[in-house]
């Protein structure tokens, strides 16, 4: 789901979000959508690829 929101942000803004917190601030994600169910943090790299950290 987060990867889809990264793409929606790119389409709407013409650039990739700089971080997951940008997606929250701009209303693309809720605060409770920034971690994996196992507790690992979700991150976005410079190419817009979403990764999920381990718990």
N, C-alpha and C. Protein backbone atom coordinates (compact mmCIF):
# COMPACT_ATOMS: atom_id res chain seq x y z
N UNK A 1 0.81 -1.18 0.00
CA UNK A 1 0.00 0.00 0.00
C UNK A 1 0.86 1.26 0.00
N UNK A 2 1.93 1.26 0.77
CA UNK A 2 2.79 2.45 0.84
C UNK A 2 3.40 2.74 -0.52
N UNK A 3 3.81 1.70 -1.25
CA UNK A 3 4.39 1.92 -2.58
C UNK A 3 3.39 2.63 -3.48
N UNK A 4 2.13 2.25 -3.39
CA UNK A 4 1.09 2.91 -4.17
C UNK A 4 0.94 4.37 -3.81
N UNK A 5 1.07 4.68 -2.54
CA UNK A 5 0.97 6.07 -2.09
C UNK A 5 2.18 6.89 -2.54
N UNK A 6 3.34 6.26 -2.61
CA UNK A 6 4.53 6.94 -3.15
C UNK A 6 4.26 7.34 -4.60
N UNK A 7 3.68 6.43 -5.36
CA UNK A 7 3.39 6.73 -6.77
C UNK A 7 2.31 7.80 -6.90
N UNK A 8 1.29 7.75 -6.04
CA UNK A 8 0.25 8.78 -6.07
C UNK A 8 0.85 10.15 -5.76
N UNK A 9 1.75 10.20 -4.79
CA UNK A 9 2.42 11.45 -4.44
C UNK A 9 3.21 11.96 -5.64
N UNK A 10 3.94 11.07 -6.30
CA UNK A 10 4.74 11.46 -7.47
C UNK A 10 3.86 12.02 -8.58
N UNK A 11 2.75 11.39 -8.83
CA UNK A 11 1.83 11.86 -9.87
C UNK A 11 1.27 13.24 -9.49
N UNK A 12 0.86 13.39 -8.25
CA UNK A 12 0.26 14.65 -7.81
C UNK A 12 1.25 15.80 -7.71
N UNK A 13 2.50 15.49 -7.34
CA UNK A 13 3.47 16.55 -7.03
C UNK A 13 4.63 16.65 -8.01
N UNK A 14 4.76 15.70 -8.91
CA UNK A 14 5.83 15.74 -9.90
C UNK A 14 7.20 15.36 -9.37
N UNK A 15 7.25 14.84 -8.15
CA UNK A 15 8.51 14.38 -7.55
C UNK A 15 8.19 13.31 -6.51
N UNK A 16 9.23 12.59 -6.12
CA UNK A 16 9.05 11.57 -5.09
C UNK A 16 9.05 12.21 -3.71
N UNK A 17 8.35 11.61 -2.75
CA UNK A 17 8.41 12.13 -1.39
C UNK A 17 9.81 11.90 -0.81
N UNK A 18 10.25 12.81 0.03
CA UNK A 18 11.58 12.68 0.62
C UNK A 18 11.62 11.67 1.76
N UNK A 19 10.46 11.35 2.33
CA UNK A 19 10.42 10.40 3.44
C UNK A 19 8.99 9.94 3.67
N UNK A 20 8.84 8.94 4.51
CA UNK A 20 7.52 8.46 4.90
C UNK A 20 6.79 9.57 5.65
N UNK A 21 7.50 10.35 6.44
CA UNK A 21 6.83 11.42 7.18
C UNK A 21 6.22 12.46 6.25
N UNK A 22 6.81 12.66 5.08
CA UNK A 22 6.22 13.56 4.08
C UNK A 22 4.87 13.03 3.63
N UNK A 23 4.76 11.72 3.45
CA UNK A 23 3.48 11.13 3.05
C UNK A 23 2.43 11.33 4.14
N UNK A 24 2.84 11.27 5.39
CA UNK A 24 1.91 11.49 6.50
C UNK A 24 1.50 12.96 6.54
N UNK A 25 2.48 13.85 6.51
CA UNK A 25 2.20 15.29 6.58
C UNK A 25 1.27 15.74 5.46
N UNK A 26 1.47 15.19 4.26
CA UNK A 26 0.68 15.61 3.10
C UNK A 26 -0.61 14.80 2.92
N UNK A 27 -0.92 13.91 3.87
CA UNK A 27 -2.19 13.20 3.87
C UNK A 27 -2.28 11.94 3.04
N UNK A 28 -1.14 11.41 2.60
CA UNK A 28 -1.15 10.18 1.80
C UNK A 28 -1.15 8.93 2.68
N UNK A 29 -0.68 9.04 3.90
CA UNK A 29 -0.67 7.94 4.87
C UNK A 29 -1.11 8.47 6.23
N UNK A 30 -1.62 7.57 7.05
CA UNK A 30 -1.89 7.89 8.46
C UNK A 30 -0.66 7.52 9.28
N UNK A 31 -0.55 8.08 10.47
CA UNK A 31 0.57 7.76 11.36
C UNK A 31 0.70 6.27 11.62
N UNK A 32 -0.44 5.58 11.73
CA UNK A 32 -0.39 4.15 12.04
C UNK A 32 -0.05 3.28 10.82
N UNK A 33 0.23 3.89 9.67
CA UNK A 33 0.60 3.16 8.47
C UNK A 33 2.09 3.29 8.15
N UNK A 34 2.88 3.74 9.10
CA UNK A 34 4.31 3.96 8.86
C UNK A 34 5.19 2.84 9.39
N UNK A 35 4.58 1.81 9.95
CA UNK A 35 5.33 0.64 10.40
C UNK A 35 4.66 -0.62 9.89
N UNK A 36 5.43 -1.69 9.84
CA UNK A 36 4.90 -2.99 9.44
C UNK A 36 4.14 -3.60 10.60
N UNK A 37 3.28 -4.56 10.32
CA UNK A 37 2.58 -5.22 11.42
C UNK A 37 3.54 -5.80 12.47
N UNK A 38 4.74 -6.22 12.04
CA UNK A 38 5.72 -6.75 12.98
C UNK A 38 6.49 -5.69 13.74
N UNK A 39 6.24 -4.42 13.43
CA UNK A 39 6.87 -3.33 14.16
C UNK A 39 8.02 -2.65 13.44
N UNK A 40 8.48 -3.19 12.33
CA UNK A 40 9.60 -2.58 11.60
C UNK A 40 9.18 -1.31 10.89
N UNK A 41 10.11 -0.39 10.78
CA UNK A 41 9.83 0.89 10.13
C UNK A 41 9.78 0.74 8.62
N UNK A 42 8.92 1.52 7.99
CA UNK A 42 8.82 1.58 6.53
C UNK A 42 9.69 2.75 6.08
N UNK A 43 10.52 2.52 5.06
CA UNK A 43 11.37 3.58 4.53
C UNK A 43 11.22 3.68 3.01
N UNK A 44 11.61 4.82 2.47
CA UNK A 44 11.58 5.06 1.03
C UNK A 44 12.98 5.46 0.60
N UNK A 45 13.54 4.77 -0.42
CA UNK A 45 14.88 5.13 -0.87
C UNK A 45 14.80 6.26 -1.91
N UNK A 46 15.93 6.70 -2.40
CA UNK A 46 16.01 7.82 -3.32
C UNK A 46 15.30 7.56 -4.65
N UNK A 47 15.10 6.29 -5.00
CA UNK A 47 14.40 5.95 -6.24
C UNK A 47 12.90 5.74 -6.01
N UNK A 48 12.44 5.90 -4.76
CA UNK A 48 11.03 5.74 -4.45
C UNK A 48 10.62 4.33 -4.11
N UNK A 49 11.59 3.46 -3.88
CA UNK A 49 11.29 2.06 -3.52
C UNK A 49 11.06 1.96 -2.01
N UNK A 50 9.95 1.35 -1.65
CA UNK A 50 9.58 1.19 -0.24
C UNK A 50 10.20 -0.09 0.30
N UNK A 51 10.78 0.00 1.50
CA UNK A 51 11.34 -1.15 2.19
C UNK A 51 10.75 -1.21 3.60
N UNK A 52 10.62 -2.42 4.10
CA UNK A 52 10.12 -2.62 5.45
C UNK A 52 11.19 -3.27 6.30
N UNK A 53 11.53 -2.62 7.40
CA UNK A 53 12.53 -3.15 8.32
C UNK A 53 11.98 -4.28 9.15
N UNK A 54 12.87 -5.10 9.64
CA UNK A 54 12.46 -6.20 10.51
C UNK A 54 12.09 -5.71 11.89
N UNK A 55 11.46 -6.56 12.64
CA UNK A 55 11.03 -6.17 13.99
C UNK A 55 12.16 -6.27 14.98
